[in-house]
Amino acid sequence: DAASSLAPYRLYNIGNHQRVELLRYIRAIEAAAGRKAVLDLLPMQ
């Protein structure tokens, strides 16, 4: 098991256990800022 061992060793994920689309994230910023975003759509880096 990669996440534990016979040694005193552990690995854990710390996340929110939710998939959030980037555009939803941006909409949340728009709502909090009271402004609309101008999107510069770019390829994957």
All heavy atoms as atom14 arrays in JSON, in Angstrom:
{
  "sequence": "DAASSLAPYRLYNIGNHQRVELLRYIRAIEAAAGRKAVLDLLPMQ",
  "atom14_mask": [
    [1, 1, 1, 1, 1, 1, 1, 1, 0, 0, 0, 0, 0, 0],
    [1, 1, 1, 1, 1, 0, 0, 0, 0, 0, 0, 0, 0, 0],
    [1, 1, 1, 1, 1, 0, 0, 0, 0, 0, 0, 0, 0, 0],
    [1, 1, 1, 1, 1, 1, 0, 0, 0, 0, 0, 0, 0, 0],
    [1, 1, 1, 1, 1, 1, 0, 0, 0, 0, 0, 0, 0, 0],
    [1, 1, 1, 1, 1, 1, 1, 1, 0, 0, 0, 0, 0, 0],
    [1, 1, 1, 1, 1, 0, 0, 0, 0, 0, 0, 0, 0, 0],
    [1, 1, 1, 1, 1, 1, 1, 0, 0, 0, 0, 0, 0, 0],
    [1, 1, 1, 1, 1, 1, 1, 1, 1, 1, 1, 1, 0, 0],
    [1, 1, 1, 1, 1, 1, 1, 1, 1, 1, 1, 0, 0, 0],
    [1, 1, 1, 1, 1, 1, 1, 1, 0, 0, 0, 0, 0, 0],
    [1, 1, 1, 1, 1, 1, 1, 1, 1, 1, 1, 1, 0, 0],
    [1, 1, 1, 1, 1, 1, 1, 1, 0, 0, 0, 0, 0, 0],
    [1, 1, 1, 1, 1, 1, 1, 1, 0, 0, 0, 0, 0, 0],
    [1, 1, 1, 1, 0, 0, 0, 0, 0, 0, 0, 0, 0, 0],
    [1, 1, 1, 1, 1, 1, 1, 1, 0, 0, 0, 0, 0, 0],
    [1, 1, 1, 1, 1, 1, 1, 1, 1, 1, 0, 0, 0, 0],
    [1, 1, 1, 1, 1, 1, 1, 1, 1, 0, 0, 0, 0, 0],
    [1, 1, 1, 1, 1, 1, 1, 1, 1, 1, 1, 0, 0, 0],
    [1, 1, 1, 1, 1, 1, 1, 0, 0, 0, 0, 0, 0, 0],
    [1, 1, 1, 1, 1, 1, 1, 1, 1, 0, 0, 0, 0, 0],
    [1, 1, 1, 1, 1, 1, 1, 1, 0, 0, 0, 0, 0, 0],
    [1, 1, 1, 1, 1, 1, 1, 1, 0, 0, 0, 0, 0, 0],
    [1, 1, 1, 1, 1, 1, 1, 1, 1, 1, 1, 0, 0, 0],
    [1, 1, 1, 1, 1, 1, 1, 1, 1, 1, 1, 1, 0, 0],
    [1, 1, 1, 1, 1, 1, 1, 1, 0, 0, 0, 0, 0, 0],
    [1, 1, 1, 1, 1, 1, 1, 1, 1, 1, 1, 0, 0, 0],
    [1, 1, 1, 1, 1, 0, 0, 0, 0, 0, 0, 0, 0, 0],
    [1, 1, 1, 1, 1, 1, 1, 1, 0, 0, 0, 0, 0, 0],
    [1, 1, 1, 1, 1, 1, 1, 1, 1, 0, 0, 0, 0, 0],
    [1, 1, 1, 1, 1, 0, 0, 0, 0, 0, 0, 0, 0, 0],
    [1, 1, 1, 1, 1, 0, 0, 0, 0, 0, 0, 0, 0, 0],
    [1, 1, 1, 1, 1, 0, 0, 0, 0, 0, 0, 0, 0, 0],
    [1, 1, 1, 1, 0, 0, 0, 0, 0, 0, 0, 0, 0, 0],
    [1, 1, 1, 1, 1, 1, 1, 1, 1, 1, 1, 0, 0, 0],
    [1, 1, 1, 1, 1, 1, 1, 1, 1, 0, 0, 0, 0, 0],
    [1, 1, 1, 1, 1, 0, 0, 0, 0, 0, 0, 0, 0, 0],
    [1, 1, 1, 1, 1, 1, 1, 0, 0, 0, 0, 0, 0, 0],
    [1, 1, 1, 1, 1, 1, 1, 1, 0, 0, 0, 0, 0, 0],
    [1, 1, 1, 1, 1, 1, 1, 1, 0, 0, 0, 0, 0, 0],
    [1, 1, 1, 1, 1, 1, 1, 1, 0, 0, 0, 0, 0, 0],
    [1, 1, 1, 1, 1, 1, 1, 1, 0, 0, 0, 0, 0, 0],
    [1, 1, 1, 1, 1, 1, 1, 0, 0, 0, 0, 0, 0, 0],
    [1, 1, 1, 1, 1, 1, 1, 1, 0, 0, 0, 0, 0, 0],
    [1, 1, 1, 1, 1, 1, 1, 1, 1, 0, 0, 0, 0, 0]
  ],
  "atom14_positions": [
    [[0.86, -1.19, 0.0], [0.0, 0.0, 0.0], [0.89, 1.23, 0.0], [1.68, 1.42, 0.93], [-0.89, -0.02, 1.24], [-1.61, 1.3, 1.47], [-1.8, 2.05, 0.5], [-1.98, 1.58, 2.63], [0.0, 0.0, 0.0], [0.0, 0.0, 0.0], [0.0, 0.0, 0.0], [0.0, 0.0, 0.0], [0.0, 0.0, 0.0], [0.0, 0.0, 0.0]],
    [[0.78, 2.07, -1.03], [1.67, 3.22, -1.17], [1.45, 4.28, -0.09], [2.32, 5.12, 0.14], [1.49, 3.85, -2.55], [0.0, 0.0, 0.0], [0.0, 0.0, 0.0], [0.0, 0.0, 0.0], [0.0, 0.0, 0.0], [0.0, 0.0, 0.0], [0.0, 0.0, 0.0], [0.0, 0.0, 0.0], [0.0, 0.0, 0.0], [0.0, 0.0, 0.0]],
    [[0.3, 4.25, 0.57], [-0.05, 5.31, 1.51], [0.34, 4.99, 2.95], [0.16, 5.83, 3.83], [-1.54, 5.59, 1.45], [0.0, 0.0, 0.0], [0.0, 0.0, 0.0], [0.0, 0.0, 0.0], [0.0, 0.0, 0.0], [0.0, 0.0, 0.0], [0.0, 0.0, 0.0], [0.0, 0.0, 0.0], [0.0, 0.0, 0.0], [0.0, 0.0, 0.0]],
    [[0.9, 3.8, 3.21], [1.32, 3.44, 4.56], [2.51, 2.51, 4.46], [3.04, 2.27, 3.38], [0.16, 2.8, 5.33], [-0.18, 1.54, 4.76], [0.0, 0.0, 0.0], [0.0, 0.0, 0.0], [0.0, 0.0, 0.0], [0.0, 0.0, 0.0], [0.0, 0.0, 0.0], [0.0, 0.0, 0.0], [0.0, 0.0, 0.0], [0.0, 0.0, 0.0]],
    [[2.93, 1.94, 5.62], [4.16, 1.17, 5.63], [4.29, 0.43, 6.95], [3.55, 0.7, 7.91], [5.36, 2.12, 5.47], [6.58, 1.45, 5.59], [0.0, 0.0, 0.0], [0.0, 0.0, 0.0], [0.0, 0.0, 0.0], [0.0, 0.0, 0.0], [0.0, 0.0, 0.0], [0.0, 0.0, 0.0], [0.0, 0.0, 0.0], [0.0, 0.0, 0.0]],
    [[5.24, -0.5, 6.99], [5.64, -1.07, 8.27], [6.4, -0.04, 9.1], [6.55, -0.19, 10.31], [6.51, -2.32, 8.06], [5.78, -3.55, 7.52], [6.77, -4.67, 7.27], [4.69, -4.02, 8.5], [0.0, 0.0, 0.0], [0.0, 0.0, 0.0], [0.0, 0.0, 0.0], [0.0, 0.0, 0.0], [0.0, 0.0, 0.0], [0.0, 0.0, 0.0]],
    [[6.89, 1.0, 8.44], [7.5, 2.15, 9.13], [6.39, 3.1, 9.58], [5.26, 3.04, 9.09], [8.46, 2.87, 8.19], [0.0, 0.0, 0.0], [0.0, 0.0, 0.0], [0.0, 0.0, 0.0], [0.0, 0.0, 0.0], [0.0, 0.0, 0.0], [0.0, 0.0, 0.0], [0.0, 0.0, 0.0], [0.0, 0.0, 0.0], [0.0, 0.0, 0.0]],
    [[6.68, 4.0, 10.52], [5.67, 4.99, 10.96], [5.5, 6.08, 9.91], [6.05, 7.18, 10.04], [6.25, 5.52, 12.27], [7.73, 5.37, 12.1], [7.93, 4.12, 11.3], [0.0, 0.0, 0.0], [0.0, 0.0, 0.0], [0.0, 0.0, 0.0], [0.0, 0.0, 0.0], [0.0, 0.0, 0.0], [0.0, 0.0, 0.0], [0.0, 0.0, 0.0]],
    [[4.74, 5.78, 8.88], [4.65, 6.64, 7.69], [3.23, 6.6, 7.15], [2.62, 5.52, 7.04], [5.64, 6.12, 6.65], [5.59, 6.81, 5.31], [6.26, 8.01, 5.09], [4.9, 6.24, 4.24], [6.23, 8.63, 3.85], [4.87, 6.86, 2.99], [5.54, 8.04, 2.8], [5.51, 8.66, 1.56], [0.0, 0.0, 0.0], [0.0, 0.0, 0.0]],
    [[2.72, 7.78, 6.79], [1.38, 7.87, 6.2], [1.34, 8.96, 5.13], [2.08, 9.96, 5.21], [0.33, 8.21, 7.26], [-0.07, 7.06, 8.19], [-0.85, 5.99, 7.44], [-1.43, 5.01, 8.34], [-0.8, 3.95, 8.82], [0.48, 3.77, 8.51], [-1.4, 3.09, 9.61], [0.0, 0.0, 0.0], [0.0, 0.0, 0.0], [0.0, 0.0, 0.0]],
    [[0.46, 8.77, 4.15], [0.15, 9.8, 3.16], [-1.36, 10.03, 3.17], [-2.13, 9.07, 3.22], [0.58, 9.38, 1.75], [2.06, 9.32, 1.42], [2.25, 8.72, 0.03], [2.69, 10.7, 1.51], [0.0, 0.0, 0.0], [0.0, 0.0, 0.0], [0.0, 0.0, 0.0], [0.0, 0.0, 0.0], [0.0, 0.0, 0.0], [0.0, 0.0, 0.0]],
    [[-1.76, 11.33, 3.11], [-3.18, 11.66, 3.03], [-3.42, 12.74, 1.98], [-2.62, 13.67, 1.84], [-3.7, 12.2, 4.37], [-3.68, 11.21, 5.5], [-2.81, 11.4, 6.58], [-4.54, 10.12, 5.52], [-2.78, 10.5, 7.64], [-4.51, 9.22, 6.59], [-3.63, 9.41, 7.63], [-3.6, 8.52, 8.68], [0.0, 0.0, 0.0], [0.0, 0.0, 0.0]],
    [[-4.54, 12.62, 1.28], [-5.05, 13.73, 0.49], [-5.77, 14.7, 1.41], [-6.48, 14.28, 2.33], [-6.09, 13.25, -0.54], [-5.49, 12.41, -1.66], [-4.32, 12.56, -2.01], [-6.3, 11.54, -2.24], [0.0, 0.0, 0.0], [0.0, 0.0, 0.0], [0.0, 0.0, 0.0], [0.0, 0.0, 0.0], [0.0, 0.0, 0.0], [0.0, 0.0, 0.0]],
    [[-5.59, 16.0, 1.16], [-6.46, 17.01, 1.78], [-7.06, 17.83, 0.66], [-6.4, 18.64, 0.02], [-5.71, 17.94, 2.76], [-5.09, 17.13, 3.91], [-6.7, 18.95, 3.34], [-4.54, 17.98, 5.03], [0.0, 0.0, 0.0], [0.0, 0.0, 0.0], [0.0, 0.0, 0.0], [0.0, 0.0, 0.0], [0.0, 0.0, 0.0], [0.0, 0.0, 0.0]],
    [[-8.32, 17.56, 0.38], [-9.05, 18.29, -0.65], [-10.49, 18.45, -0.21], [-10.87, 18.04, 0.88], [0.0, 0.0, 0.0], [0.0, 0.0, 0.0], [0.0, 0.0, 0.0], [0.0, 0.0, 0.0], [0.0, 0.0, 0.0], [0.0, 0.0, 0.0], [0.0, 0.0, 0.0], [0.0, 0.0, 0.0], [0.0, 0.0, 0.0], [0.0, 0.0, 0.0]],
    [[-11.28, 19.03, -1.08], [-12.7, 19.27, -0.76], [-13.59, 18.14, -1.25], [-14.79, 18.16, -1.03], [-13.16, 20.6, -1.37], [-14.25, 21.25, -0.56], [-14.3, 21.11, 0.65], [-15.15, 21.94, -1.24], [0.0, 0.0, 0.0], [0.0, 0.0, 0.0], [0.0, 0.0, 0.0], [0.0, 0.0, 0.0], [0.0, 0.0, 0.0], [0.0, 0.0, 0.0]],
    [[-12.98, 17.17, -1.95], [-13.7, 16.02, -2.5], [-14.86, 16.47, -3.42], [-15.94, 15.9, -3.39], [-14.21, 15.12, -1.38], [-14.69, 13.78, -1.85], [-14.05, 13.05, -2.83], [-15.78, 13.03, -1.5], [-14.7, 11.92, -3.05], [-15.76, 11.89, -2.25], [0.0, 0.0, 0.0], [0.0, 0.0, 0.0], [0.0, 0.0, 0.0], [0.0, 0.0, 0.0]],
    [[-14.59, 17.51, -4.2], [-15.58, 18.0, -5.15], [-14.89, 18.45, -6.43], [-13.84, 19.09, -6.38], [-16.36, 19.19, -4.58], [-17.35, 18.84, -3.51], [-18.25, 20.03, -3.17], [-18.28, 21.02, -3.9], [-18.96, 19.93, -2.08], [0.0, 0.0, 0.0], [0.0, 0.0, 0.0], [0.0, 0.0, 0.0], [0.0, 0.0, 0.0], [0.0, 0.0, 0.0]],
    [[-15.5, 18.12, -7.56], [-14.99, 18.62, -8.83], [-15.7, 19.95, -9.13], [-16.93, 20.0, -9.21], [-15.28, 17.64, -9.97], [-14.75, 16.24, -9.72], [-15.07, 15.31, -10.88], [-14.95, 13.91, -10.46], [-15.16, 12.87, -11.26], [-15.51, 13.08, -12.52], [-15.03, 11.64, -10.8], [0.0, 0.0, 0.0], [0.0, 0.0, 0.0], [0.0, 0.0, 0.0]],
    [[-14.92, 21.0, -9.29], [-15.49, 22.32, -9.57], [-14.94, 22.82, -10.9], [-13.72, 22.89, -11.09], [-15.14, 23.33, -8.45], [-15.62, 24.73, -8.8], [-15.74, 22.86, -7.12], [0.0, 0.0, 0.0], [0.0, 0.0, 0.0], [0.0, 0.0, 0.0], [0.0, 0.0, 0.0], [0.0, 0.0, 0.0], [0.0, 0.0, 0.0], [0.0, 0.0, 0.0]],
    [[-15.82, 23.14, -11.81], [-15.4, 23.65, -13.11], [-14.78, 25.04, -12.93], [-15.25, 25.84, -12.13], [-16.58, 23.72, -14.08], [-17.22, 22.39, -14.41], [-18.21, 21.91, -13.35], [-18.5, 22.7, -12.4], [-18.67, 20.76, -13.46], [0.0, 0.0, 0.0], [0.0, 0.0, 0.0], [0.0, 0.0, 0.0], [0.0, 0.0, 0.0], [0.0, 0.0, 0.0]],
    [[-13.74, 25.3, -13.7], [-13.06, 26.59, -13.61], [-14.02, 27.74, -13.87], [-13.93, 28.8, -13.22], [-11.89, 26.64, -14.6], [-11.04, 27.91, -14.58], [-10.42, 28.14, -13.2], [-9.94, 27.82, -15.63], [0.0, 0.0, 0.0], [0.0, 0.0, 0.0], [0.0, 0.0, 0.0], [0.0, 0.0, 0.0], [0.0, 0.0, 0.0], [0.0, 0.0, 0.0]],
    [[-14.95, 27.56, -14.78], [-15.89, 28.65, -15.09], [-16.83, 28.92, -13.92], [-17.25, 30.06, -13.71], [-16.68, 28.32, -16.37], [-15.82, 28.26, -17.64], [-16.68, 27.93, -18.86], [-15.07, 29.57, -17.87], [0.0, 0.0, 0.0], [0.0, 0.0, 0.0], [0.0, 0.0, 0.0], [0.0, 0.0, 0.0], [0.0, 0.0, 0.0], [0.0, 0.0, 0.0]],
    [[-17.16, 27.9, -13.13], [-17.95, 28.13, -11.91], [-17.14, 28.96, -10.92], [-17.68, 29.85, -10.24], [-18.37, 26.81, -11.28], [-19.08, 26.97, -9.94], [-19.37, 25.64, -9.28], [-19.72, 25.8, -7.87], [-19.85, 24.8, -7.01], [-19.67, 23.54, -7.43], [-20.14, 25.03, -5.73], [0.0, 0.0, 0.0], [0.0, 0.0, 0.0], [0.0, 0.0, 0.0]],
    [[-15.87, 28.66, -10.81], [-14.96, 29.4, -9.94], [-14.93, 30.88, -10.35], [-15.02, 31.77, -9.5], [-13.57, 28.79, -10.08], [-12.55, 29.11, -9.02], [-12.79, 28.86, -7.68], [-11.3, 29.59, -9.38], [-11.82, 29.1, -6.72], [-10.32, 29.83, -8.43], [-10.59, 29.59, -7.1], [-9.62, 29.81, -6.15], [0.0, 0.0, 0.0], [0.0, 0.0, 0.0]],
    [[-14.86, 31.12, -11.64], [-14.84, 32.5, -12.14], [-16.17, 33.19, -11.88], [-16.21, 34.37, -11.5], [-14.48, 32.51, -13.64], [-13.02, 32.04, -13.83], [-14.68, 33.9, -14.25], [-12.63, 31.8, -15.27], [0.0, 0.0, 0.0], [0.0, 0.0, 0.0], [0.0, 0.0, 0.0], [0.0, 0.0, 0.0], [0.0, 0.0, 0.0], [0.0, 0.0, 0.0]],
    [[-17.27, 32.46, -12.04], [-18.58, 33.05, -11.74], [-18.69, 33.44, -10.27], [-19.31, 34.46, -9.92], [-19.7, 32.08, -12.12], [-19.91, 31.93, -13.62], [-21.24, 31.26, -13.94], [-21.31, 29.89, -13.42], [-20.91, 28.81, -14.09], [-20.4, 28.95, -15.31], [-21.03, 27.62, -13.55], [0.0, 0.0, 0.0], [0.0, 0.0, 0.0], [0.0, 0.0, 0.0]],
    [[-18.08, 32.64, -9.39], [-18.09, 32.97, -7.95], [-17.32, 34.27, -7.7], [-17.72, 35.09, -6.86], [-17.5, 31.83, -7.14], [0.0, 0.0, 0.0], [0.0, 0.0, 0.0], [0.0, 0.0, 0.0], [0.0, 0.0, 0.0], [0.0, 0.0, 0.0], [0.0, 0.0, 0.0], [0.0, 0.0, 0.0], [0.0, 0.0, 0.0], [0.0, 0.0, 0.0]],
    [[-16.21, 34.47, -8.42], [-15.45, 35.71, -8.27], [-16.27, 36.89, -8.78], [-16.31, 37.95, -8.16], [-14.1, 35.63, -9.03], [-13.28, 34.44, -8.55], [-13.31, 36.93, -8.85], [-12.05, 34.15, -9.4], [0.0, 0.0, 0.0], [0.0, 0.0, 0.0], [0.0, 0.0, 0.0], [0.0, 0.0, 0.0], [0.0, 0.0, 0.0], [0.0, 0.0, 0.0]],
    [[-16.92, 36.71, -9.93], [-17.77, 37.77, -10.48], [-18.85, 38.18, -9.48], [-19.1, 39.38, -9.26], [-18.44, 37.29, -11.77], [-17.5, 37.11, -12.95], [-18.19, 36.53, -14.17], [-19.16, 35.75, -13.99], [-17.79, 36.87, -15.29], [0.0, 0.0, 0.0], [0.0, 0.0, 0.0], [0.0, 0.0, 0.0], [0.0, 0.0, 0.0], [0.0, 0.0, 0.0]],
    [[-19.49, 37.19, -8.85], [-20.56, 37.49, -7.89], [-20.0, 38.25, -6.69], [-20.63, 39.21, -6.21], [-21.22, 36.19, -7.45], [0.0, 0.0, 0.0], [0.0, 0.0, 0.0], [0.0, 0.0, 0.0], [0.0, 0.0, 0.0], [0.0, 0.0, 0.0], [0.0, 0.0, 0.0], [0.0, 0.0, 0.0], [0.0, 0.0, 0.0], [0.0, 0.0, 0.0]],
    [[-18.84, 37.84, -6.2], [-18.26, 38.5, -5.04], [-17.73, 39.89, -5.36], [-17.79, 40.8, -4.52], [-17.13, 37.64, -4.46], [0.0, 0.0, 0.0], [0.0, 0.0, 0.0], [0.0, 0.0, 0.0], [0.0, 0.0, 0.0], [0.0, 0.0, 0.0], [0.0, 0.0, 0.0], [0.0, 0.0, 0.0], [0.0, 0.0, 0.0], [0.0, 0.0, 0.0]],
    [[-17.22, 40.06, -6.59], [-16.64, 41.35, -6.98], [-17.68, 42.31, -7.55], [-17.42, 43.52, -7.64], [-15.54, 41.12, -8.02], [0.0, 0.0, 0.0], [0.0, 0.0, 0.0], [0.0, 0.0, 0.0], [0.0, 0.0, 0.0], [0.0, 0.0, 0.0], [0.0, 0.0, 0.0], [0.0, 0.0, 0.0], [0.0, 0.0, 0.0], [0.0, 0.0, 0.0]],
    [[-18.82, 41.79, -7.94], [-19.85, 42.63, -8.56], [-19.45, 43.11, -9.94], [-19.9, 44.16, -10.39], [0.0, 0.0, 0.0], [0.0, 0.0, 0.0], [0.0, 0.0, 0.0], [0.0, 0.0, 0.0], [0.0, 0.0, 0.0], [0.0, 0.0, 0.0], [0.0, 0.0, 0.0], [0.0, 0.0, 0.0], [0.0, 0.0, 0.0], [0.0, 0.0, 0.0]],
    [[-18.6, 42.36, -10.61], [-18.12, 42.71, -11.95], [-18.15, 41.47, -12.84], [-18.0, 40.34, -12.36], [-16.67, 43.23, -11.92], [-16.4, 44.32, -10.88], [-16.67, 45.7, -11.41], [-16.27, 46.71, -10.44], [-15.06, 47.27, -10.41], [-14.14, 46.9, -11.29], [-14.77, 48.21, -9.52], [0.0, 0.0, 0.0], [0.0, 0.0, 0.0], [0.0, 0.0, 0.0]],
    [[-18.28, 41.7, -14.15], [-18.18, 40.61, -15.12], [-16.74, 40.45, -15.57], [-16.01, 41.42, -15.73], [-19.07, 40.87, -16.33], [-20.56, 40.81, -16.05], [-21.01, 39.39, -15.68], [-20.93, 38.45, -16.87], [-21.4, 37.07, -16.51], [0.0, 0.0, 0.0], [0.0, 0.0, 0.0], [0.0, 0.0, 0.0], [0.0, 0.0, 0.0], [0.0, 0.0, 0.0]],
    [[-16.36, 39.2, -15.78], [-15.0, 38.91, -16.23], [-14.91, 38.96, -17.75], [-15.85, 38.59, -18.46], [-14.58, 37.53, -15.75], [0.0, 0.0, 0.0], [0.0, 0.0, 0.0], [0.0, 0.0, 0.0], [0.0, 0.0, 0.0], [0.0, 0.0, 0.0], [0.0, 0.0, 0.0], [0.0, 0.0, 0.0], [0.0, 0.0, 0.0], [0.0, 0.0, 0.0]],
    [[-13.77, 39.41, -18.24], [-13.43, 39.33, -19.67], [-12.44, 38.18, -19.79], [-11.35, 38.22, -19.18], [-12.81, 40.64, -20.18], [-12.44, 40.49, -21.65], [-13.76, 41.8, -19.96], [0.0, 0.0, 0.0], [0.0, 0.0, 0.0], [0.0, 0.0, 0.0], [0.0, 0.0, 0.0], [0.0, 0.0, 0.0], [0.0, 0.0, 0.0], [0.0, 0.0, 0.0]],
    [[-12.81, 37.15, -20.53], [-12.0, 35.94, -20.59], [-11.08, 35.93, -21.81], [-11.52, 36.16, -22.93], [-12.9, 34.7, -20.64], [-13.98, 34.57, -19.56], [-14.71, 33.25, -19.7], [-13.38, 34.71, -18.17], [0.0, 0.0, 0.0], [0.0, 0.0, 0.0], [0.0, 0.0, 0.0], [0.0, 0.0, 0.0], [0.0, 0.0, 0.0], [0.0, 0.0, 0.0]],
    [[-9.8, 35.66, -21.55], [-8.82, 35.46, -22.62], [-8.58, 33.95, -22.69], [-7.78, 33.41, -21.93], [-7.53, 36.21, -22.3], [-6.47, 36.05, -23.38], [-6.82, 35.59, -24.49], [-5.3, 36.39, -23.13], [0.0, 0.0, 0.0], [0.0, 0.0, 0.0], [0.0, 0.0, 0.0], [0.0, 0.0, 0.0], [0.0, 0.0, 0.0], [0.0, 0.0, 0.0]],
    [[-9.3, 33.27, -23.58], [-9.25, 31.82, -23.65], [-7.96, 31.36, -24.33], [-7.68, 31.73, -25.47], [-10.47, 31.29, -24.4], [-11.83, 31.66, -23.76], [-12.97, 31.15, -24.61], [-11.92, 31.12, -22.34], [0.0, 0.0, 0.0], [0.0, 0.0, 0.0], [0.0, 0.0, 0.0], [0.0, 0.0, 0.0], [0.0, 0.0, 0.0], [0.0, 0.0, 0.0]],
    [[-7.2, 30.53, -23.62], [-5.87, 30.11, -24.07], [-5.77, 28.6, -24.06], [-6.54, 27.91, -23.38], [-4.8, 30.71, -23.14], [-4.75, 32.23, -23.05], [-3.84, 32.65, -21.92], [-4.28, 32.83, -24.37], [0.0, 0.0, 0.0], [0.0, 0.0, 0.0], [0.0, 0.0, 0.0], [0.0, 0.0, 0.0], [0.0, 0.0, 0.0], [0.0, 0.0, 0.0]],
    [[-4.8, 28.03, -24.79], [-4.61, 26.58, -24.78], [-4.02, 26.11, -23.44], [-3.55, 26.91, -22.64], [-3.64, 26.34, -25.94], [-2.9, 27.63, -26.09], [-3.89, 28.71, -25.74], [0.0, 0.0, 0.0], [0.0, 0.0, 0.0], [0.0, 0.0, 0.0], [0.0, 0.0, 0.0], [0.0, 0.0, 0.0], [0.0, 0.0, 0.0], [0.0, 0.0, 0.0]],
    [[-4.02, 24.81, -23.24], [-3.44, 24.21, -22.04], [-1.96, 24.52, -21.97], [-1.25, 24.49, -22.98], [-3.63, 22.69, -22.07], [-3.04, 21.97, -20.88], [-4.08, 22.05, -19.4], [-5.19, 20.67, -19.75], [0.0, 0.0, 0.0], [0.0, 0.0, 0.0], [0.0, 0.0, 0.0], [0.0, 0.0, 0.0], [0.0, 0.0, 0.0], [0.0, 0.0, 0.0]],
    [[-1.47, 24.84, -20.78], [-0.06, 25.12, -20.61], [0.71, 23.85, -20.26], [0.17, 22.94, -19.63], [0.14, 26.15, -19.49], [-0.12, 27.57, -19.94], [0.76, 28.54, -19.17], [1.04, 28.34, -18.02], [1.2, 29.59, -19.84], [0.0, 0.0, 0.0], [0.0, 0.0, 0.0], [0.0, 0.0, 0.0], [0.0, 0.0, 0.0], [0.0, 0.0, 0.0]]
  ]
}
